[in-house]
Amino acid sequence: MSHLPALLQQHFPHLEPTLRDELLQKSTHRQLQEGEVVVRTGQFLRSSVLLLSGLLKVYREDEEGNEFLMYFLEPGDACALSMLCAAREEQSAISAQAVTPAQVLLVPLPVTERWLTQYPSWHAFVIGTYRQRFEELLQTLDAVAFKSLDERLLFYLKRHRQVQGDHLKLSHQQIAQELNSSREVISRLLKKLEQRGMLTLHRNSIELHGLA
């Protein structure tokens, strides 16, 4: 726990020092392993999720287990949908999973409600989080509604590069699942991109080359 104040200072510098102190006192700290789920579809949420380290992906899941990637969370981010579901005491419509080992703070609902009026920085952070996630969801919707599958694949890869760099730990099956396609189709499209010099395919990983 001794490292948590430094992580809060590093990734949430805009919050008042007294608020950061309260975050440490009132929240539950969790360490997540790669692949561990911190929010599940259908779960009743009583806390908001703040990310201190690592990377989380937020996604929708259908009844057959197919995933649809919505957005990523990086250190300093909060899950807007966890905030919303907790505030309205509703079941979660999304899942959140650790892409890498991660650390999160789970902040109870009564505390966050009080902070909205007590701390201007928290109010601004919550509003900014909603706005940012809404813009990301619009980008995702545009990609699904108006782009072909090969364009969606490029959008998907660029999105991963923003948070993981040029070396992506992704299998063809995972990409197909998250784009709601088949492994064979995704493999064919990736091979075409490799032939164009835009990436190099490895076993369960992809190395990107100059995607604009």
N, C-alpha and C. Protein backbone atom coordinates (compact mmCIF):
# COMPACT_ATOMS: atom_id res chain seq x y z
N MET A 1 0.82 -1.21 0.00
CA MET A 1 0.00 0.00 0.00
C MET A 1 0.85 1.26 0.00
N SER A 2 2.13 1.15 0.36
CA SER A 2 2.97 2.34 0.48
C SER A 2 3.20 3.03 -0.85
N HIS A 3 3.03 2.30 -1.96
CA HIS A 3 3.25 2.90 -3.27
C HIS A 3 2.02 3.62 -3.81
N LEU A 4 0.87 3.45 -3.19
CA LEU A 4 -0.37 4.01 -3.73
C LEU A 4 -0.38 5.54 -3.74
N PRO A 5 0.10 6.23 -2.70
CA PRO A 5 0.11 7.69 -2.78
C PRO A 5 0.88 8.22 -3.98
N ALA A 6 2.00 7.57 -4.31
CA ALA A 6 2.79 8.01 -5.47
C ALA A 6 2.03 7.78 -6.77
N LEU A 7 1.32 6.65 -6.88
CA LEU A 7 0.53 6.39 -8.08
C LEU A 7 -0.61 7.39 -8.23
N LEU A 8 -1.26 7.72 -7.13
CA LEU A 8 -2.33 8.72 -7.18
C LEU A 8 -1.78 10.08 -7.59
N GLN A 9 -0.65 10.46 -7.01
CA GLN A 9 -0.04 11.74 -7.36
C GLN A 9 0.35 11.78 -8.83
N GLN A 10 0.86 10.66 -9.35
CA GLN A 10 1.32 10.59 -10.73
C GLN A 10 0.17 10.64 -11.73
N HIS A 11 -0.89 9.88 -11.46
CA HIS A 11 -1.94 9.72 -12.47
C HIS A 11 -3.19 10.55 -12.20
N PHE A 12 -3.33 11.06 -11.00
CA PHE A 12 -4.48 11.91 -10.68
C PHE A 12 -4.01 13.22 -10.03
N PRO A 13 -3.07 13.92 -10.69
CA PRO A 13 -2.51 15.13 -10.08
C PRO A 13 -3.51 16.27 -9.96
N HIS A 14 -4.60 16.21 -10.75
CA HIS A 14 -5.59 17.28 -10.76
C HIS A 14 -6.52 17.22 -9.54
N LEU A 15 -6.50 16.12 -8.81
CA LEU A 15 -7.35 16.00 -7.63
C LEU A 15 -6.68 16.67 -6.43
N GLU A 16 -7.51 17.30 -5.58
CA GLU A 16 -6.98 17.95 -4.39
C GLU A 16 -6.25 16.93 -3.50
N PRO A 17 -5.18 17.35 -2.82
CA PRO A 17 -4.47 16.43 -1.92
C PRO A 17 -5.38 15.80 -0.88
N THR A 18 -6.33 16.57 -0.35
CA THR A 18 -7.24 15.98 0.64
C THR A 18 -8.14 14.92 0.01
N LEU A 19 -8.49 15.11 -1.26
CA LEU A 19 -9.31 14.12 -1.95
C LEU A 19 -8.50 12.85 -2.21
N ARG A 20 -7.24 13.01 -2.58
CA ARG A 20 -6.39 11.83 -2.78
C ARG A 20 -6.24 11.07 -1.47
N ASP A 21 -6.13 11.78 -0.38
CA ASP A 21 -6.05 11.11 0.93
C ASP A 21 -7.33 10.32 1.20
N GLU A 22 -8.48 10.91 0.88
CA GLU A 22 -9.75 10.21 1.09
C GLU A 22 -9.87 8.99 0.19
N LEU A 23 -9.36 9.10 -1.03
CA LEU A 23 -9.39 7.96 -1.94
C LEU A 23 -8.67 6.77 -1.31
N LEU A 24 -7.54 7.02 -0.69
CA LEU A 24 -6.79 5.95 -0.06
C LEU A 24 -7.54 5.37 1.14
N GLN A 25 -8.23 6.24 1.88
CA GLN A 25 -8.90 5.80 3.09
C GLN A 25 -10.21 5.07 2.81
N LYS A 26 -10.95 5.53 1.82
CA LYS A 26 -12.30 5.04 1.59
C LYS A 26 -12.40 3.93 0.54
N SER A 27 -11.39 3.79 -0.30
CA SER A 27 -11.48 2.87 -1.43
C SER A 27 -10.88 1.50 -1.09
N THR A 28 -11.23 0.53 -1.92
CA THR A 28 -10.64 -0.81 -1.82
C THR A 28 -9.63 -0.97 -2.95
N HIS A 29 -8.42 -1.34 -2.59
CA HIS A 29 -7.35 -1.54 -3.57
C HIS A 29 -7.36 -2.99 -4.03
N ARG A 30 -7.33 -3.18 -5.36
CA ARG A 30 -7.27 -4.54 -5.91
C ARG A 30 -6.16 -4.66 -6.93
N GLN A 31 -5.42 -5.74 -6.85
CA GLN A 31 -4.42 -6.06 -7.86
C GLN A 31 -5.00 -7.13 -8.78
N LEU A 32 -4.98 -6.86 -10.07
CA LEU A 32 -5.56 -7.77 -11.05
C LEU A 32 -4.47 -8.46 -11.86
N GLN A 33 -4.68 -9.73 -12.11
CA GLN A 33 -3.80 -10.47 -13.01
C GLN A 33 -4.28 -10.28 -14.45
N GLU A 34 -3.38 -10.50 -15.39
CA GLU A 34 -3.76 -10.44 -16.80
C GLU A 34 -4.93 -11.38 -17.07
N GLY A 35 -5.97 -10.86 -17.69
CA GLY A 35 -7.15 -11.66 -18.00
C GLY A 35 -8.22 -11.66 -16.93
N GLU A 36 -7.92 -11.10 -15.75
CA GLU A 36 -8.90 -11.08 -14.66
C GLU A 36 -9.98 -10.04 -14.93
N VAL A 37 -11.21 -10.40 -14.62
CA VAL A 37 -12.35 -9.52 -14.86
C VAL A 37 -12.68 -8.78 -13.57
N VAL A 38 -12.80 -7.46 -13.65
CA VAL A 38 -13.12 -6.66 -12.47
C VAL A 38 -14.59 -6.24 -12.46
N VAL A 39 -15.21 -6.15 -13.64
CA VAL A 39 -16.64 -5.86 -13.76
C VAL A 39 -17.23 -6.88 -14.72
N ARG A 40 -18.36 -7.48 -14.35
CA ARG A 40 -19.02 -8.47 -15.19
C ARG A 40 -20.39 -7.99 -15.62
N THR A 41 -20.79 -8.38 -16.82
CA THR A 41 -22.12 -8.08 -17.31
C THR A 41 -23.17 -8.68 -16.38
N GLY A 42 -24.16 -7.87 -16.00
CA GLY A 42 -25.21 -8.32 -15.11
C GLY A 42 -24.92 -8.10 -13.64
N GLN A 43 -23.70 -7.68 -13.32
CA GLN A 43 -23.32 -7.45 -11.93
C GLN A 43 -23.93 -6.14 -11.42
N PHE A 44 -24.45 -6.16 -10.20
CA PHE A 44 -24.89 -4.93 -9.56
C PHE A 44 -23.66 -4.23 -8.99
N LEU A 45 -23.43 -3.01 -9.43
CA LEU A 45 -22.23 -2.29 -9.03
C LEU A 45 -22.53 -1.37 -7.86
N ARG A 46 -21.62 -1.37 -6.92
CA ARG A 46 -21.73 -0.48 -5.76
C ARG A 46 -20.54 0.45 -5.66
N SER A 47 -19.61 0.32 -6.64
CA SER A 47 -18.38 1.12 -6.60
C SER A 47 -18.00 1.56 -8.01
N SER A 48 -17.27 2.67 -8.08
CA SER A 48 -16.67 3.12 -9.32
C SER A 48 -15.24 2.58 -9.41
N VAL A 49 -14.79 2.34 -10.65
CA VAL A 49 -13.47 1.75 -10.87
C VAL A 49 -12.50 2.82 -11.37
N LEU A 50 -11.41 3.04 -10.63
CA LEU A 50 -10.34 3.94 -11.04
C LEU A 50 -9.09 3.11 -11.28
N LEU A 51 -8.40 3.39 -12.39
CA LEU A 51 -7.24 2.60 -12.76
C LEU A 51 -5.95 3.32 -12.35
N LEU A 52 -5.11 2.62 -11.57
CA LEU A 52 -3.84 3.16 -11.10
C LEU A 52 -2.67 2.72 -11.96
N SER A 53 -2.72 1.49 -12.46
CA SER A 53 -1.63 0.98 -13.30
C SER A 53 -2.17 -0.12 -14.20
N GLY A 54 -1.45 -0.38 -15.29
CA GLY A 54 -1.87 -1.43 -16.21
C GLY A 54 -2.85 -0.94 -17.25
N LEU A 55 -3.56 -1.87 -17.85
CA LEU A 55 -4.48 -1.58 -18.95
C LEU A 55 -5.72 -2.45 -18.80
N LEU A 56 -6.89 -1.83 -18.93
CA LEU A 56 -8.16 -2.56 -18.91
C LEU A 56 -8.87 -2.36 -20.24
N LYS A 57 -9.61 -3.37 -20.66
CA LYS A 57 -10.49 -3.21 -21.81
C LYS A 57 -11.93 -3.32 -21.32
N VAL A 58 -12.78 -2.47 -21.86
CA VAL A 58 -14.20 -2.46 -21.54
C VAL A 58 -14.95 -2.93 -22.77
N TYR A 59 -15.82 -3.91 -22.61
CA TYR A 59 -16.46 -4.52 -23.77
C TYR A 59 -17.88 -4.98 -23.44
N ARG A 60 -18.66 -5.14 -24.51
CA ARG A 60 -19.99 -5.73 -24.42
C ARG A 60 -19.87 -7.20 -24.80
N GLU A 61 -20.77 -8.00 -24.23
CA GLU A 61 -20.74 -9.44 -24.48
C GLU A 61 -22.16 -9.92 -24.73
N ASP A 62 -22.33 -10.72 -25.81
CA ASP A 62 -23.67 -11.22 -26.09
C ASP A 62 -23.90 -12.56 -25.40
N GLU A 63 -25.07 -13.15 -25.61
CA GLU A 63 -25.44 -14.38 -24.92
C GLU A 63 -24.57 -15.56 -25.33
N GLU A 64 -23.92 -15.47 -26.50
CA GLU A 64 -23.07 -16.56 -26.96
C GLU A 64 -21.61 -16.35 -26.57
N GLY A 65 -21.33 -15.28 -25.84
CA GLY A 65 -19.97 -15.03 -25.39
C GLY A 65 -19.13 -14.22 -26.35
N ASN A 66 -19.72 -13.71 -27.45
CA ASN A 66 -18.98 -12.88 -28.37
C ASN A 66 -18.75 -11.50 -27.75
N GLU A 67 -17.55 -10.96 -27.93
CA GLU A 67 -17.19 -9.68 -27.35
C GLU A 67 -17.18 -8.58 -28.39
N PHE A 68 -17.51 -7.38 -27.93
CA PHE A 68 -17.40 -6.19 -28.77
C PHE A 68 -16.65 -5.13 -27.98
N LEU A 69 -15.43 -4.83 -28.42
CA LEU A 69 -14.58 -3.88 -27.72
C LEU A 69 -15.18 -2.48 -27.79
N MET A 70 -15.29 -1.83 -26.63
CA MET A 70 -15.82 -0.47 -26.57
C MET A 70 -14.70 0.56 -26.42
N TYR A 71 -13.86 0.39 -25.41
CA TYR A 71 -12.74 1.30 -25.23
C TYR A 71 -11.76 0.71 -24.23
N PHE A 72 -10.59 1.33 -24.14
CA PHE A 72 -9.57 0.94 -23.17
C PHE A 72 -9.52 1.95 -22.04
N LEU A 73 -9.06 1.49 -20.89
CA LEU A 73 -8.77 2.38 -19.77
C LEU A 73 -7.28 2.32 -19.47
N GLU A 74 -6.67 3.50 -19.32
CA GLU A 74 -5.26 3.61 -18.98
C GLU A 74 -5.14 4.24 -17.59
N PRO A 75 -3.95 4.18 -16.98
CA PRO A 75 -3.78 4.79 -15.66
C PRO A 75 -4.23 6.25 -15.65
N GLY A 76 -5.02 6.59 -14.65
CA GLY A 76 -5.59 7.93 -14.56
C GLY A 76 -7.01 8.00 -15.08
N ASP A 77 -7.50 6.89 -15.64
CA ASP A 77 -8.86 6.83 -16.16
C ASP A 77 -9.80 6.20 -15.13
N ALA A 78 -11.09 6.46 -15.34
CA ALA A 78 -12.14 5.78 -14.59
C ALA A 78 -13.13 5.19 -15.57
N CYS A 79 -13.79 4.13 -15.17
CA CYS A 79 -14.81 3.50 -16.02
C CYS A 79 -16.11 4.28 -15.87
N ALA A 80 -16.47 5.04 -16.90
CA ALA A 80 -17.66 5.88 -16.84
C ALA A 80 -18.92 5.05 -16.62
N LEU A 81 -18.99 3.89 -17.27
CA LEU A 81 -20.20 3.08 -17.15
C LEU A 81 -20.32 2.46 -15.76
N SER A 82 -19.20 2.19 -15.11
CA SER A 82 -19.29 1.71 -13.73
C SER A 82 -19.80 2.82 -12.83
N MET A 83 -19.39 4.05 -13.11
CA MET A 83 -19.90 5.20 -12.34
C MET A 83 -21.40 5.34 -12.52
N LEU A 84 -21.83 5.23 -13.77
CA LEU A 84 -23.25 5.43 -14.07
C LEU A 84 -24.11 4.33 -13.46
N CYS A 85 -23.68 3.07 -13.62
CA CYS A 85 -24.47 1.96 -13.08
C CYS A 85 -24.52 2.00 -11.55
N ALA A 86 -23.40 2.36 -10.93
CA ALA A 86 -23.38 2.44 -9.48
C ALA A 86 -24.31 3.55 -8.99
N ALA A 87 -24.27 4.70 -9.68
CA ALA A 87 -25.10 5.83 -9.26
C ALA A 87 -26.59 5.51 -9.39
N ARG A 88 -26.96 4.72 -10.39
CA ARG A 88 -28.36 4.41 -10.63
C ARG A 88 -28.77 3.05 -10.05
N GLU A 89 -27.80 2.40 -9.38
CA GLU A 89 -28.04 1.09 -8.76
C GLU A 89 -28.62 0.10 -9.78
N GLU A 90 -27.97 0.06 -10.94
CA GLU A 90 -28.40 -0.83 -12.03
C GLU A 90 -27.36 -1.91 -12.27
N GLN A 91 -27.78 -2.95 -12.98
CA GLN A 91 -26.85 -3.99 -13.38
C GLN A 91 -25.94 -3.46 -14.48
N SER A 92 -24.71 -3.92 -14.45
CA SER A 92 -23.75 -3.51 -15.47
C SER A 92 -24.11 -4.12 -16.82
N ALA A 93 -24.02 -3.31 -17.86
CA ALA A 93 -24.25 -3.79 -19.23
C ALA A 93 -22.94 -4.08 -19.94
N ILE A 94 -21.82 -3.93 -19.21
CA ILE A 94 -20.50 -4.12 -19.81
C ILE A 94 -19.65 -5.00 -18.89
N SER A 95 -18.52 -5.44 -19.44
CA SER A 95 -17.50 -6.12 -18.65
C SER A 95 -16.20 -5.35 -18.78
N ALA A 96 -15.36 -5.44 -17.76
CA ALA A 96 -14.03 -4.82 -17.79
C ALA A 96 -13.01 -5.86 -17.37
N GLN A 97 -11.98 -6.02 -18.20
CA GLN A 97 -10.99 -7.09 -17.99
C GLN A 97 -9.59 -6.51 -18.10
N ALA A 98 -8.68 -7.03 -17.29
CA ALA A 98 -7.29 -6.59 -17.31
C ALA A 98 -6.59 -7.16 -18.54
N VAL A 99 -6.06 -6.29 -19.38
CA VAL A 99 -5.26 -6.72 -20.53
C VAL A 99 -3.84 -7.05 -20.07
N THR A 100 -3.37 -6.33 -19.07
CA THR A 100 -2.08 -6.57 -18.44
C THR A 100 -2.32 -6.62 -16.92
N PRO A 101 -1.34 -7.04 -16.14
CA PRO A 101 -1.49 -6.88 -14.69
C PRO A 101 -1.83 -5.42 -14.36
N ALA A 102 -2.76 -5.22 -13.45
CA ALA A 102 -3.27 -3.87 -13.21
C ALA A 102 -3.61 -3.69 -11.74
N GLN A 103 -3.70 -2.42 -11.35
CA GLN A 103 -4.14 -2.06 -10.01
C GLN A 103 -5.30 -1.08 -10.13
N VAL A 104 -6.35 -1.33 -9.37
CA VAL A 104 -7.51 -0.45 -9.41
C VAL A 104 -7.91 -0.07 -7.99
N LEU A 105 -8.62 1.05 -7.92
CA LEU A 105 -9.30 1.44 -6.68
C LEU A 105 -10.79 1.34 -6.92
N LEU A 106 -11.51 0.70 -6.02
CA LEU A 106 -12.95 0.60 -6.07
C LEU A 106 -13.52 1.58 -5.05
N VAL A 107 -14.21 2.61 -5.56
CA VAL A 107 -14.66 3.71 -4.71
C VAL A 107 -16.16 3.55 -4.46
N PRO A 108 -16.60 3.39 -3.21
CA PRO A 108 -18.02 3.16 -2.92
C PRO A 108 -18.90 4.33 -3.36
N LEU A 109 -20.11 4.00 -3.79
CA LEU A 109 -21.05 4.99 -4.30
C LEU A 109 -21.33 6.13 -3.32
N PRO A 110 -21.64 5.87 -2.04
CA PRO A 110 -21.96 6.99 -1.14
C PRO A 110 -20.83 8.02 -1.06
N VAL A 111 -19.59 7.54 -1.16
CA VAL A 111 -18.45 8.43 -1.09
C VAL A 111 -18.38 9.32 -2.34
N THR A 112 -18.54 8.72 -3.51
CA THR A 112 -18.44 9.49 -4.76
C THR A 112 -19.56 10.51 -4.87
N GLU A 113 -20.74 10.18 -4.37
CA GLU A 113 -21.84 11.15 -4.39
C GLU A 113 -21.52 12.37 -3.54
N ARG A 114 -20.94 12.14 -2.39
CA ARG A 114 -20.58 13.26 -1.52
C ARG A 114 -19.49 14.12 -2.14
N TRP A 115 -18.54 13.46 -2.81
CA TRP A 115 -17.44 14.19 -3.42
C TRP A 115 -17.90 15.13 -4.54
N LEU A 116 -19.01 14.80 -5.21
CA LEU A 116 -19.48 15.65 -6.31
C LEU A 116 -19.75 17.07 -5.86
N THR A 117 -20.21 17.24 -4.63
CA THR A 117 -20.49 18.58 -4.10
C THR A 117 -19.34 19.11 -3.24
N GLN A 118 -18.54 18.22 -2.71
CA GLN A 118 -17.48 18.64 -1.79
C GLN A 118 -16.20 19.06 -2.52
N TYR A 119 -15.89 18.36 -3.63
CA TYR A 119 -14.61 18.60 -4.32
C TYR A 119 -14.86 18.99 -5.78
N PRO A 120 -14.57 20.24 -6.15
CA PRO A 120 -14.73 20.66 -7.56
C PRO A 120 -13.92 19.80 -8.53
N SER A 121 -12.74 19.36 -8.11
CA SER A 121 -11.91 18.56 -9.02
C SER A 121 -12.55 17.21 -9.32
N TRP A 122 -13.24 16.63 -8.35
CA TRP A 122 -13.92 15.35 -8.60
C TRP A 122 -15.10 15.55 -9.54
N HIS A 123 -15.85 16.60 -9.34
CA HIS A 123 -16.98 16.91 -10.24
C HIS A 123 -16.47 17.07 -11.67
N ALA A 124 -15.38 17.82 -11.85
CA ALA A 124 -14.82 18.02 -13.19
C ALA A 124 -14.29 16.71 -13.77
N PHE A 125 -13.70 15.87 -12.92
CA PHE A 125 -13.17 14.59 -13.38
C PHE A 125 -14.28 13.67 -13.87
N VAL A 126 -15.39 13.61 -13.13
CA VAL A 126 -16.52 12.76 -13.53
C VAL A 126 -17.12 13.24 -14.85
N ILE A 127 -17.35 14.55 -14.98
CA ILE A 127 -17.91 15.08 -16.22
C ILE A 127 -16.95 14.84 -17.39
N GLY A 128 -15.66 15.06 -17.16
CA GLY A 128 -14.68 14.83 -18.21
C GLY A 128 -14.61 13.37 -18.63
N THR A 129 -14.77 12.46 -17.66
CA THR A 129 -14.76 11.03 -17.96
C THR A 129 -15.95 10.65 -18.84
N TYR A 130 -17.14 11.15 -18.49
CA TYR A 130 -18.33 10.88 -19.32
C TYR A 130 -18.13 11.40 -20.74
N ARG A 131 -17.60 12.60 -20.86
CA ARG A 131 -17.42 13.21 -22.18
C ARG A 131 -16.43 12.41 -23.02
N GLN A 132 -15.31 12.03 -22.42
CA GLN A 132 -14.29 11.28 -23.15
C GLN A 132 -14.82 9.94 -23.63
N ARG A 133 -15.50 9.21 -22.76
CA ARG A 133 -16.01 7.90 -23.15
C ARG A 133 -17.11 8.01 -24.21
N PHE A 134 -17.93 9.05 -24.11
CA PHE A 134 -18.97 9.26 -25.12
C PHE A 134 -18.34 9.50 -26.49
N GLU A 135 -17.28 10.29 -26.54
CA GLU A 135 -16.61 10.54 -27.81
C GLU A 135 -15.99 9.26 -28.36
N GLU A 136 -15.42 8.44 -27.50
CA GLU A 136 -14.84 7.17 -27.95
C GLU A 136 -15.92 6.23 -28.47
N LEU A 137 -17.06 6.21 -27.82
CA LEU A 137 -18.16 5.36 -28.28
C LEU A 137 -18.70 5.83 -29.62
N LEU A 138 -18.72 7.13 -29.85
CA LEU A 138 -19.15 7.65 -31.14
C LEU A 138 -18.19 7.20 -32.24
N GLN A 139 -16.88 7.23 -31.95
CA GLN A 139 -15.90 6.76 -32.93
C GLN A 139 -16.11 5.28 -33.25
N THR A 140 -16.37 4.50 -32.22
CA THR A 140 -16.62 3.07 -32.42
C THR A 140 -17.89 2.85 -33.23
N LEU A 141 -18.93 3.60 -32.92
CA LEU A 141 -20.19 3.48 -33.66
C LEU A 141 -19.99 3.85 -35.12
N ASP A 142 -19.25 4.90 -35.38
CA ASP A 142 -18.97 5.30 -36.76
C ASP A 142 -18.25 4.18 -37.51
N ALA A 143 -17.28 3.55 -36.84
CA ALA A 143 -16.52 2.47 -37.48
C ALA A 143 -17.42 1.30 -37.83
N VAL A 144 -18.34 0.96 -36.94
CA VAL A 144 -19.24 -0.17 -37.18
C VAL A 144 -20.27 0.17 -38.24
N ALA A 145 -20.82 1.37 -38.19
CA ALA A 145 -21.94 1.73 -39.06
C ALA A 145 -21.51 2.10 -40.48
N PHE A 146 -20.33 2.70 -40.62
CA PHE A 146 -20.00 3.30 -41.90
C PHE A 146 -18.75 2.73 -42.56
N LYS A 147 -18.04 1.82 -41.91
CA LYS A 147 -16.79 1.32 -42.49
C LYS A 147 -16.90 -0.16 -42.84
N SER A 148 -16.14 -0.55 -43.87
CA SER A 148 -16.07 -1.97 -44.24
C SER A 148 -15.21 -2.70 -43.21
N LEU A 149 -15.21 -4.04 -43.28
CA LEU A 149 -14.49 -4.82 -42.27
C LEU A 149 -12.99 -4.54 -42.32
N ASP A 150 -12.41 -4.36 -43.51
CA ASP A 150 -10.98 -4.08 -43.56
C ASP A 150 -10.66 -2.72 -42.95
N GLU A 151 -11.56 -1.74 -43.13
CA GLU A 151 -11.38 -0.43 -42.50
C GLU A 151 -11.55 -0.54 -40.99
N ARG A 152 -12.51 -1.35 -40.55
CA ARG A 152 -12.71 -1.56 -39.12
C ARG A 152 -11.50 -2.23 -38.50
N LEU A 153 -10.88 -3.15 -39.23
CA LEU A 153 -9.69 -3.83 -38.72
C LEU A 153 -8.55 -2.83 -38.51
N LEU A 154 -8.36 -1.93 -39.47
CA LEU A 154 -7.33 -0.91 -39.32
C LEU A 154 -7.63 0.00 -38.13
N PHE A 155 -8.88 0.39 -37.98
CA PHE A 155 -9.29 1.21 -36.84
C PHE A 155 -8.99 0.49 -35.53
N TYR A 156 -9.30 -0.78 -35.50
CA TYR A 156 -9.07 -1.62 -34.32
C TYR A 156 -7.59 -1.69 -33.97
N LEU A 157 -6.74 -1.93 -34.98
CA LEU A 157 -5.30 -2.03 -34.75
C LEU A 157 -4.72 -0.70 -34.27
N LYS A 158 -5.16 0.38 -34.88
CA LYS A 158 -4.67 1.70 -34.47
C LYS A 158 -5.07 2.01 -33.03
N ARG A 159 -6.25 1.58 -32.66
CA ARG A 159 -6.73 1.80 -31.30
C ARG A 159 -5.86 1.06 -30.30
N HIS A 160 -5.53 -0.19 -30.64
CA HIS A 160 -4.65 -0.96 -29.77
C HIS A 160 -3.26 -0.34 -29.71
N ARG A 161 -2.77 0.18 -30.85
CA ARG A 161 -1.44 0.78 -30.85
C ARG A 161 -1.36 1.98 -29.92
N GLN A 162 -2.45 2.74 -29.80
CA GLN A 162 -2.46 3.93 -28.95
C GLN A 162 -2.15 3.59 -27.50
N VAL A 163 -2.53 2.39 -27.07
CA VAL A 163 -2.34 2.04 -25.66
C VAL A 163 -1.26 0.97 -25.45
N GLN A 164 -0.86 0.26 -26.53
CA GLN A 164 0.11 -0.83 -26.35
C GLN A 164 1.39 -0.63 -27.16
N GLY A 165 1.42 0.36 -28.05
CA GLY A 165 2.59 0.52 -28.90
C GLY A 165 2.48 -0.34 -30.16
N ASP A 166 3.62 -0.52 -30.85
CA ASP A 166 3.61 -1.21 -32.14
C ASP A 166 3.63 -2.73 -32.03
N HIS A 167 3.86 -3.26 -30.84
CA HIS A 167 3.89 -4.72 -30.66
C HIS A 167 2.63 -5.13 -29.90
N LEU A 168 1.69 -5.71 -30.61
CA LEU A 168 0.39 -6.05 -30.05
C LEU A 168 0.32 -7.54 -29.74
N LYS A 169 -0.04 -7.84 -28.51
CA LYS A 169 -0.21 -9.23 -28.10
C LYS A 169 -1.66 -9.62 -28.40
N LEU A 170 -1.89 -10.02 -29.65
CA LEU A 170 -3.23 -10.33 -30.12
C LEU A 170 -3.20 -11.57 -31.01
N SER A 171 -4.14 -12.46 -30.81
CA SER A 171 -4.29 -13.60 -31.70
C SER A 171 -5.35 -13.30 -32.75
N HIS A 172 -5.32 -14.03 -33.86
CA HIS A 172 -6.33 -13.84 -34.90
C HIS A 172 -7.72 -14.13 -34.36
N GLN A 173 -7.80 -15.14 -33.49
CA GLN A 173 -9.10 -15.51 -32.91
C GLN A 173 -9.64 -14.39 -32.03
N GLN A 174 -8.77 -13.76 -31.25
CA GLN A 174 -9.22 -12.67 -30.38
C GLN A 174 -9.73 -11.50 -31.21
N ILE A 175 -9.00 -11.15 -32.26
CA ILE A 175 -9.44 -10.04 -33.12
C ILE A 175 -10.78 -10.37 -33.75
N ALA A 176 -10.92 -11.60 -34.25
CA ALA A 176 -12.18 -12.01 -34.88
C ALA A 176 -13.33 -11.92 -33.88
N GLN A 177 -13.09 -12.34 -32.66
CA GLN A 177 -14.13 -12.31 -31.64
C GLN A 177 -14.55 -10.88 -31.33
N GLU A 178 -13.58 -9.98 -31.21
CA GLU A 178 -13.88 -8.61 -30.84
C GLU A 178 -14.45 -7.80 -32.00
N LEU A 179 -14.22 -8.26 -33.24
CA LEU A 179 -14.81 -7.59 -34.40
C LEU A 179 -16.04 -8.32 -34.92
N ASN A 180 -16.43 -9.36 -34.18
CA ASN A 180 -17.62 -10.15 -34.56
C ASN A 180 -17.50 -10.68 -35.99
N SER A 181 -16.36 -11.29 -36.27
CA SER A 181 -16.11 -11.87 -37.58
C SER A 181 -15.58 -13.29 -37.37
N SER A 182 -15.10 -13.91 -38.45
CA SER A 182 -14.53 -15.25 -38.34
C SER A 182 -13.01 -15.17 -38.38
N ARG A 183 -12.38 -16.17 -37.80
CA ARG A 183 -10.92 -16.19 -37.77
C ARG A 183 -10.35 -16.23 -39.17
N GLU A 184 -10.99 -16.98 -40.06
CA GLU A 184 -10.48 -17.12 -41.43
C GLU A 184 -10.49 -15.78 -42.16
N VAL A 185 -11.56 -15.02 -41.99
CA VAL A 185 -11.66 -13.71 -42.66
C VAL A 185 -10.60 -12.76 -42.11
N ILE A 186 -10.46 -12.72 -40.79
CA ILE A 186 -9.47 -11.83 -40.17
C ILE A 186 -8.06 -12.21 -40.59
N SER A 187 -7.77 -13.50 -40.62
CA SER A 187 -6.44 -13.96 -41.03
C SER A 187 -6.14 -13.52 -42.46
N ARG A 188 -7.14 -13.61 -43.33
CA ARG A 188 -6.94 -13.21 -44.72
C ARG A 188 -6.66 -11.70 -44.83
N LEU A 189 -7.42 -10.91 -44.08
CA LEU A 189 -7.21 -9.46 -44.12
C LEU A 189 -5.86 -9.07 -43.53
N LEU A 190 -5.46 -9.73 -42.46
CA LEU A 190 -4.16 -9.44 -41.86
C LEU A 190 -3.03 -9.81 -42.82
N LYS A 191 -3.19 -10.90 -43.53
CA LYS A 191 -2.17 -11.32 -44.49
C LYS A 191 -2.02 -10.27 -45.59
N LYS A 192 -3.13 -9.70 -46.03
CA LYS A 192 -3.07 -8.64 -47.04
C LYS A 192 -2.33 -7.42 -46.52
N LEU A 193 -2.59 -7.06 -45.26
CA LEU A 193 -1.89 -5.92 -44.66
C LEU A 193 -0.40 -6.22 -44.54
N GLU A 194 -0.06 -7.47 -44.23
CA GLU A 194 1.35 -7.85 -44.15
C GLU A 194 2.01 -7.74 -45.52
N GLN A 195 1.32 -8.17 -46.56
CA GLN A 195 1.86 -8.09 -47.91
C GLN A 195 2.07 -6.64 -48.34
N ARG A 196 1.29 -5.72 -47.79
CA ARG A 196 1.43 -4.29 -48.09
C ARG A 196 2.48 -3.64 -47.22
N GLY A 197 3.13 -4.41 -46.35
CA GLY A 197 4.20 -3.89 -45.51
C GLY A 197 3.74 -3.11 -44.31
N MET A 198 2.47 -3.25 -43.95
CA MET A 198 1.92 -2.46 -42.85
C MET A 198 2.08 -3.13 -41.49
N LEU A 199 2.38 -4.43 -41.51
CA LEU A 199 2.57 -5.16 -40.25
C LEU A 199 3.30 -6.47 -40.53
N THR A 200 3.77 -7.08 -39.44
CA THR A 200 4.39 -8.41 -39.51
C THR A 200 3.64 -9.31 -38.54
N LEU A 201 3.24 -10.46 -39.02
CA LEU A 201 2.48 -11.40 -38.21
C LEU A 201 3.43 -12.37 -37.50
N HIS A 202 3.22 -12.53 -36.21
CA HIS A 202 3.94 -13.51 -35.41
C HIS A 202 2.90 -14.41 -34.73
N ARG A 203 3.38 -15.41 -34.04
CA ARG A 203 2.46 -16.29 -33.34
C ARG A 203 1.84 -15.55 -32.15
N ASN A 204 0.54 -15.33 -32.22
CA ASN A 204 -0.22 -14.65 -31.16
C ASN A 204 0.24 -13.22 -30.89
N SER A 205 0.88 -12.60 -31.88
CA SER A 205 1.26 -11.20 -31.75
C SER A 205 1.40 -10.57 -33.14
N ILE A 206 1.34 -9.25 -33.17
CA ILE A 206 1.42 -8.49 -34.43
C ILE A 206 2.35 -7.31 -34.20
N GLU A 207 3.25 -7.10 -35.15
CA GLU A 207 4.13 -5.94 -35.11
C GLU A 207 3.71 -4.96 -36.20
N LEU A 208 3.35 -3.76 -35.80
CA LEU A 208 2.86 -2.75 -36.72
C LEU A 208 4.00 -1.93 -37.30
N HIS A 209 3.82 -1.49 -38.55
CA HIS A 209 4.84 -0.68 -39.23
C HIS A 209 4.17 0.57 -39.81
N GLY A 210 4.30 1.66 -39.13
CA GLY A 210 3.90 2.95 -39.68
C GLY A 210 2.44 3.10 -40.06
N LEU A 211 1.53 2.57 -39.25
CA LEU A 211 0.12 2.82 -39.51
C LEU A 211 -0.18 4.28 -39.24
N ALA A 212 -0.72 4.98 -40.24
CA ALA A 212 -1.01 6.42 -40.07
C ALA A 212 -2.31 6.59 -39.31
